[in-house]
N, C-alpha and C. Protein backbone atom coordinates (compact mmCIF):
# COMPACT_ATOMS: atom_id res chain seq x y z
N MET A 1 0.84 -1.17 0.00
CA MET A 1 0.00 0.00 0.00
C MET A 1 0.89 1.25 0.00
N THR A 2 0.58 2.19 -0.88
CA THR A 2 1.34 3.42 -0.92
C THR A 2 0.91 4.37 0.21
N VAL A 3 1.80 5.31 0.52
CA VAL A 3 1.57 6.27 1.59
C VAL A 3 1.79 7.66 1.03
N THR A 4 0.97 8.61 1.45
CA THR A 4 1.08 9.98 0.99
C THR A 4 1.42 10.90 2.15
N ALA A 5 2.44 11.72 1.96
CA ALA A 5 2.80 12.76 2.93
C ALA A 5 2.24 14.08 2.39
N VAL A 6 1.49 14.79 3.22
CA VAL A 6 0.85 16.04 2.81
C VAL A 6 1.45 17.17 3.64
N LEU A 7 1.96 18.18 2.95
CA LEU A 7 2.53 19.35 3.60
C LEU A 7 1.67 20.56 3.25
N ARG A 8 1.19 21.24 4.29
CA ARG A 8 0.37 22.45 4.10
C ARG A 8 1.09 23.63 4.75
N ARG A 9 1.09 24.75 4.05
CA ARG A 9 1.65 25.98 4.60
C ARG A 9 1.22 27.15 3.74
N LYS A 10 1.54 28.35 4.19
CA LYS A 10 1.27 29.55 3.41
C LYS A 10 2.58 30.09 2.86
N THR A 11 2.50 30.61 1.66
CA THR A 11 3.64 31.24 1.02
C THR A 11 3.33 32.71 0.78
N VAL A 12 4.36 33.51 0.62
CA VAL A 12 4.15 34.92 0.29
C VAL A 12 3.74 35.10 -1.16
N VAL A 13 3.91 34.08 -1.98
CA VAL A 13 3.56 34.13 -3.40
C VAL A 13 2.07 33.80 -3.54
N ARG A 14 1.28 34.81 -3.85
CA ARG A 14 -0.17 34.63 -3.91
C ARG A 14 -0.72 34.66 -5.33
N ASP A 15 0.02 35.26 -6.24
CA ASP A 15 -0.41 35.35 -7.63
C ASP A 15 -0.27 33.97 -8.28
N PRO A 16 -1.36 33.40 -8.81
CA PRO A 16 -1.29 32.05 -9.40
C PRO A 16 -0.26 31.90 -10.52
N ALA A 17 -0.11 32.90 -11.37
CA ALA A 17 0.86 32.81 -12.46
C ALA A 17 2.29 32.79 -11.91
N GLU A 18 2.57 33.64 -10.93
CA GLU A 18 3.90 33.66 -10.32
C GLU A 18 4.16 32.36 -9.56
N PHE A 19 3.13 31.85 -8.88
CA PHE A 19 3.27 30.58 -8.16
C PHE A 19 3.63 29.47 -9.12
N GLU A 20 2.92 29.40 -10.25
CA GLU A 20 3.17 28.34 -11.24
C GLU A 20 4.58 28.45 -11.81
N LYS A 21 5.01 29.66 -12.11
CA LYS A 21 6.37 29.88 -12.65
C LYS A 21 7.42 29.38 -11.66
N ARG A 22 7.26 29.74 -10.39
CA ARG A 22 8.22 29.32 -9.37
C ARG A 22 8.12 27.82 -9.10
N ALA A 23 6.90 27.29 -9.13
CA ALA A 23 6.71 25.86 -8.89
C ALA A 23 7.40 25.03 -9.98
N GLN A 24 7.34 25.49 -11.23
CA GLN A 24 8.01 24.78 -12.32
C GLN A 24 9.53 24.82 -12.15
N ALA A 25 10.06 25.96 -11.72
CA ALA A 25 11.50 26.05 -11.47
C ALA A 25 11.91 25.13 -10.32
N LEU A 26 11.08 25.07 -9.29
CA LEU A 26 11.34 24.15 -8.18
C LEU A 26 11.32 22.70 -8.65
N ASP A 27 10.34 22.34 -9.47
CA ASP A 27 10.25 20.97 -9.99
C ASP A 27 11.53 20.57 -10.71
N ALA A 28 12.07 21.49 -11.50
CA ALA A 28 13.30 21.18 -12.25
C ALA A 28 14.44 20.84 -11.29
N ARG A 29 14.46 21.45 -10.14
CA ARG A 29 15.51 21.21 -9.15
C ARG A 29 15.20 20.00 -8.27
N LEU A 30 13.92 19.88 -7.86
CA LEU A 30 13.54 18.91 -6.85
C LEU A 30 13.25 17.51 -7.38
N LEU A 31 12.60 17.40 -8.52
CA LEU A 31 12.21 16.07 -9.00
C LEU A 31 13.38 15.12 -9.23
N PRO A 32 14.49 15.55 -9.81
CA PRO A 32 15.62 14.62 -9.95
C PRO A 32 16.11 14.11 -8.59
N TYR A 33 16.08 14.98 -7.59
CA TYR A 33 16.48 14.59 -6.23
C TYR A 33 15.50 13.58 -5.64
N LEU A 34 14.20 13.84 -5.79
CA LEU A 34 13.20 12.92 -5.26
C LEU A 34 13.26 11.56 -5.96
N MET A 35 13.52 11.57 -7.24
CA MET A 35 13.57 10.31 -7.99
C MET A 35 14.71 9.41 -7.52
N LYS A 36 15.69 9.97 -6.85
CA LYS A 36 16.79 9.17 -6.29
C LYS A 36 16.45 8.59 -4.92
N GLN A 37 15.33 9.03 -4.33
CA GLN A 37 14.96 8.55 -3.00
C GLN A 37 14.25 7.21 -3.12
N PRO A 38 14.63 6.23 -2.30
CA PRO A 38 14.00 4.91 -2.37
C PRO A 38 12.49 4.99 -2.14
N GLY A 39 11.74 4.39 -3.05
CA GLY A 39 10.30 4.29 -2.89
C GLY A 39 9.50 5.49 -3.35
N PHE A 40 10.15 6.52 -3.92
CA PHE A 40 9.41 7.69 -4.39
C PHE A 40 8.49 7.29 -5.53
N VAL A 41 7.23 7.75 -5.46
CA VAL A 41 6.25 7.45 -6.51
C VAL A 41 5.86 8.71 -7.27
N SER A 42 5.45 9.77 -6.56
CA SER A 42 5.01 10.98 -7.25
C SER A 42 4.99 12.18 -6.31
N ARG A 43 4.86 13.37 -6.91
CA ARG A 43 4.78 14.62 -6.16
C ARG A 43 3.82 15.55 -6.88
N GLU A 44 3.03 16.27 -6.10
CA GLU A 44 2.11 17.27 -6.65
C GLU A 44 2.12 18.48 -5.72
N MET A 45 2.00 19.67 -6.30
CA MET A 45 1.92 20.87 -5.49
C MET A 45 0.89 21.79 -6.12
N ARG A 46 0.08 22.41 -5.26
CA ARG A 46 -0.95 23.31 -5.77
C ARG A 46 -1.19 24.46 -4.80
N LEU A 47 -1.67 25.55 -5.34
CA LEU A 47 -2.06 26.72 -4.57
C LEU A 47 -3.54 26.59 -4.29
N GLU A 48 -3.96 26.85 -3.05
CA GLU A 48 -5.38 26.77 -2.67
C GLU A 48 -5.83 28.11 -2.15
N GLY A 49 -6.96 28.59 -2.64
CA GLY A 49 -7.48 29.86 -2.16
C GLY A 49 -6.63 31.02 -2.63
N GLY A 50 -6.96 32.21 -2.14
CA GLY A 50 -6.26 33.39 -2.58
C GLY A 50 -5.31 33.97 -1.56
N ALA A 51 -5.10 33.28 -0.45
CA ALA A 51 -4.26 33.82 0.62
C ALA A 51 -2.89 33.15 0.69
N GLY A 52 -2.48 32.50 -0.38
CA GLY A 52 -1.16 31.88 -0.41
C GLY A 52 -1.09 30.49 0.19
N GLU A 53 -2.24 29.87 0.49
CA GLU A 53 -2.20 28.51 1.02
C GLU A 53 -1.74 27.55 -0.07
N MET A 54 -0.80 26.70 0.27
CA MET A 54 -0.32 25.72 -0.70
C MET A 54 -0.30 24.34 -0.07
N VAL A 55 -0.42 23.34 -0.92
CA VAL A 55 -0.41 21.95 -0.49
C VAL A 55 0.56 21.19 -1.38
N GLU A 56 1.48 20.46 -0.75
CA GLU A 56 2.41 19.60 -1.48
C GLU A 56 2.16 18.17 -1.02
N THR A 57 1.96 17.27 -1.96
CA THR A 57 1.81 15.85 -1.62
C THR A 57 2.92 15.06 -2.29
N THR A 58 3.50 14.15 -1.52
CA THR A 58 4.46 13.21 -2.07
C THR A 58 3.95 11.81 -1.75
N THR A 59 4.02 10.94 -2.71
CA THR A 59 3.53 9.58 -2.54
C THR A 59 4.72 8.63 -2.55
N TRP A 60 4.67 7.66 -1.65
CA TRP A 60 5.77 6.72 -1.43
C TRP A 60 5.25 5.29 -1.53
N ALA A 61 6.12 4.38 -1.93
CA ALA A 61 5.75 2.98 -2.14
C ALA A 61 5.36 2.29 -0.83
N SER A 62 5.93 2.74 0.29
CA SER A 62 5.62 2.10 1.57
C SER A 62 5.76 3.10 2.71
N GLU A 63 5.26 2.74 3.84
CA GLU A 63 5.40 3.58 5.04
C GLU A 63 6.87 3.73 5.41
N ASP A 64 7.65 2.68 5.26
CA ASP A 64 9.08 2.76 5.57
C ASP A 64 9.81 3.75 4.65
N ASP A 65 9.45 3.74 3.35
CA ASP A 65 10.07 4.69 2.42
C ASP A 65 9.72 6.12 2.81
N CYS A 66 8.48 6.36 3.17
CA CYS A 66 8.05 7.69 3.59
C CYS A 66 8.78 8.12 4.86
N ARG A 67 8.86 7.23 5.82
CA ARG A 67 9.55 7.53 7.08
C ARG A 67 11.03 7.85 6.83
N ARG A 68 11.65 7.09 5.96
CA ARG A 68 13.07 7.31 5.62
C ARG A 68 13.24 8.70 5.00
N TYR A 69 12.32 9.09 4.13
CA TYR A 69 12.36 10.41 3.51
C TYR A 69 12.21 11.51 4.56
N LEU A 70 11.23 11.36 5.44
CA LEU A 70 10.93 12.40 6.43
C LEU A 70 11.99 12.51 7.52
N ARG A 71 12.55 11.40 7.94
CA ARG A 71 13.46 11.43 9.08
C ARG A 71 14.94 11.32 8.71
N GLY A 72 15.21 10.98 7.47
CA GLY A 72 16.60 10.77 7.07
C GLY A 72 17.29 11.99 6.50
N GLY A 73 16.60 13.11 6.44
CA GLY A 73 17.22 14.34 5.96
C GLY A 73 16.79 14.78 4.57
N ALA A 74 16.23 13.88 3.78
CA ALA A 74 15.84 14.25 2.41
C ALA A 74 14.70 15.27 2.42
N ALA A 75 13.74 15.12 3.32
CA ALA A 75 12.62 16.08 3.40
C ALA A 75 13.13 17.46 3.81
N ALA A 76 14.12 17.51 4.68
CA ALA A 76 14.67 18.80 5.10
C ALA A 76 15.35 19.50 3.92
N MET A 77 16.05 18.74 3.09
CA MET A 77 16.69 19.33 1.91
C MET A 77 15.62 19.84 0.95
N ALA A 78 14.58 19.04 0.73
CA ALA A 78 13.47 19.44 -0.15
C ALA A 78 12.79 20.71 0.39
N ALA A 79 12.61 20.78 1.71
CA ALA A 79 11.97 21.95 2.32
C ALA A 79 12.83 23.20 2.16
N THR A 80 14.13 23.05 2.19
CA THR A 80 15.03 24.19 1.99
C THR A 80 14.85 24.76 0.60
N TRP A 81 14.80 23.89 -0.41
CA TRP A 81 14.57 24.34 -1.78
C TRP A 81 13.17 24.94 -1.93
N LEU A 82 12.18 24.28 -1.33
CA LEU A 82 10.80 24.78 -1.40
C LEU A 82 10.72 26.20 -0.86
N ASP A 83 11.34 26.44 0.28
CA ASP A 83 11.29 27.77 0.89
C ASP A 83 12.08 28.80 0.08
N ALA A 84 13.10 28.37 -0.63
CA ALA A 84 13.87 29.29 -1.49
C ALA A 84 13.03 29.74 -2.69
N PHE A 85 12.28 28.83 -3.29
CA PHE A 85 11.49 29.15 -4.46
C PHE A 85 10.15 29.78 -4.11
N LEU A 86 9.54 29.33 -3.01
CA LEU A 86 8.23 29.81 -2.57
C LEU A 86 8.32 30.15 -1.08
N PRO A 87 8.84 31.33 -0.75
CA PRO A 87 9.10 31.66 0.66
C PRO A 87 7.87 31.54 1.55
N THR A 88 8.12 31.12 2.76
CA THR A 88 7.06 30.96 3.76
C THR A 88 6.54 32.33 4.18
N ALA A 89 5.22 32.39 4.40
CA ALA A 89 4.60 33.62 4.89
C ALA A 89 5.14 33.94 6.27
N PRO A 90 5.18 35.23 6.62
CA PRO A 90 5.68 35.61 7.95
C PRO A 90 4.73 35.18 9.07
N TYR A 91 5.27 35.19 10.28
CA TYR A 91 4.49 34.87 11.47
C TYR A 91 3.27 35.78 11.53
N PRO A 92 2.12 35.33 11.87
CA PRO A 92 1.78 34.01 12.43
C PRO A 92 1.34 33.00 11.38
N ASP A 93 1.50 33.33 10.09
CA ASP A 93 1.02 32.45 9.03
C ASP A 93 2.06 31.47 8.51
N GLY A 94 3.23 31.41 9.13
CA GLY A 94 4.32 30.61 8.61
C GLY A 94 4.39 29.17 9.10
N THR A 95 3.32 28.66 9.68
CA THR A 95 3.33 27.30 10.21
C THR A 95 3.32 26.27 9.08
N TRP A 96 4.20 25.28 9.20
CA TRP A 96 4.22 24.14 8.28
C TRP A 96 3.51 22.99 8.98
N VAL A 97 2.55 22.36 8.34
CA VAL A 97 1.82 21.23 8.92
C VAL A 97 1.94 20.05 7.97
N ARG A 98 2.49 18.93 8.47
CA ARG A 98 2.64 17.73 7.65
C ARG A 98 1.83 16.61 8.25
N SER A 99 1.15 15.85 7.39
CA SER A 99 0.44 14.65 7.82
C SER A 99 0.82 13.52 6.87
N VAL A 100 0.73 12.30 7.38
CA VAL A 100 1.03 11.12 6.57
C VAL A 100 -0.17 10.21 6.67
N GLU A 101 -0.63 9.73 5.52
CA GLU A 101 -1.82 8.88 5.50
C GLU A 101 -1.73 7.86 4.39
N PRO A 102 -2.41 6.73 4.57
CA PRO A 102 -2.44 5.75 3.48
C PRO A 102 -3.09 6.37 2.25
N THR A 103 -2.58 6.06 1.09
CA THR A 103 -3.15 6.58 -0.14
C THR A 103 -4.43 5.82 -0.44
N PRO A 104 -5.53 6.56 -0.71
CA PRO A 104 -6.79 5.88 -1.04
C PRO A 104 -6.63 5.01 -2.28
N ALA A 105 -7.25 3.86 -2.24
CA ALA A 105 -7.16 2.93 -3.37
C ALA A 105 -7.99 3.37 -4.54
C-alpha cells in the first residue's frame, strides 16, 4: 500500500501565475532529487485559495520509504529548496503542517 505525505503551509507568493512559474522552477531542481529517494512514486503541489495557502503531496511505495524520507534528511533538503522558491509567509502564518496517511485505493 502506498503512503502519501501532505505538507500544508502559506507562502508569500499569492499570484497564481507567479506561483506556477516558481513551482516549475522548483520541480526542475527537486524532481531529480526525489527520484533518487527509495520508494518515491510521485509529487504534486498546488495553490489553494487566494491567501497563499499551498499543499504539497508526495507519494511513497511504503510507510518505511516515507519515514526514511521524512526522518533521514531528504525532506529537510526538499523543504530548503521549497522555501527558497516559494518563501514561507511571515508569522503568524508561517506554520508548516505535515500529515502522513495511506493513499486511497
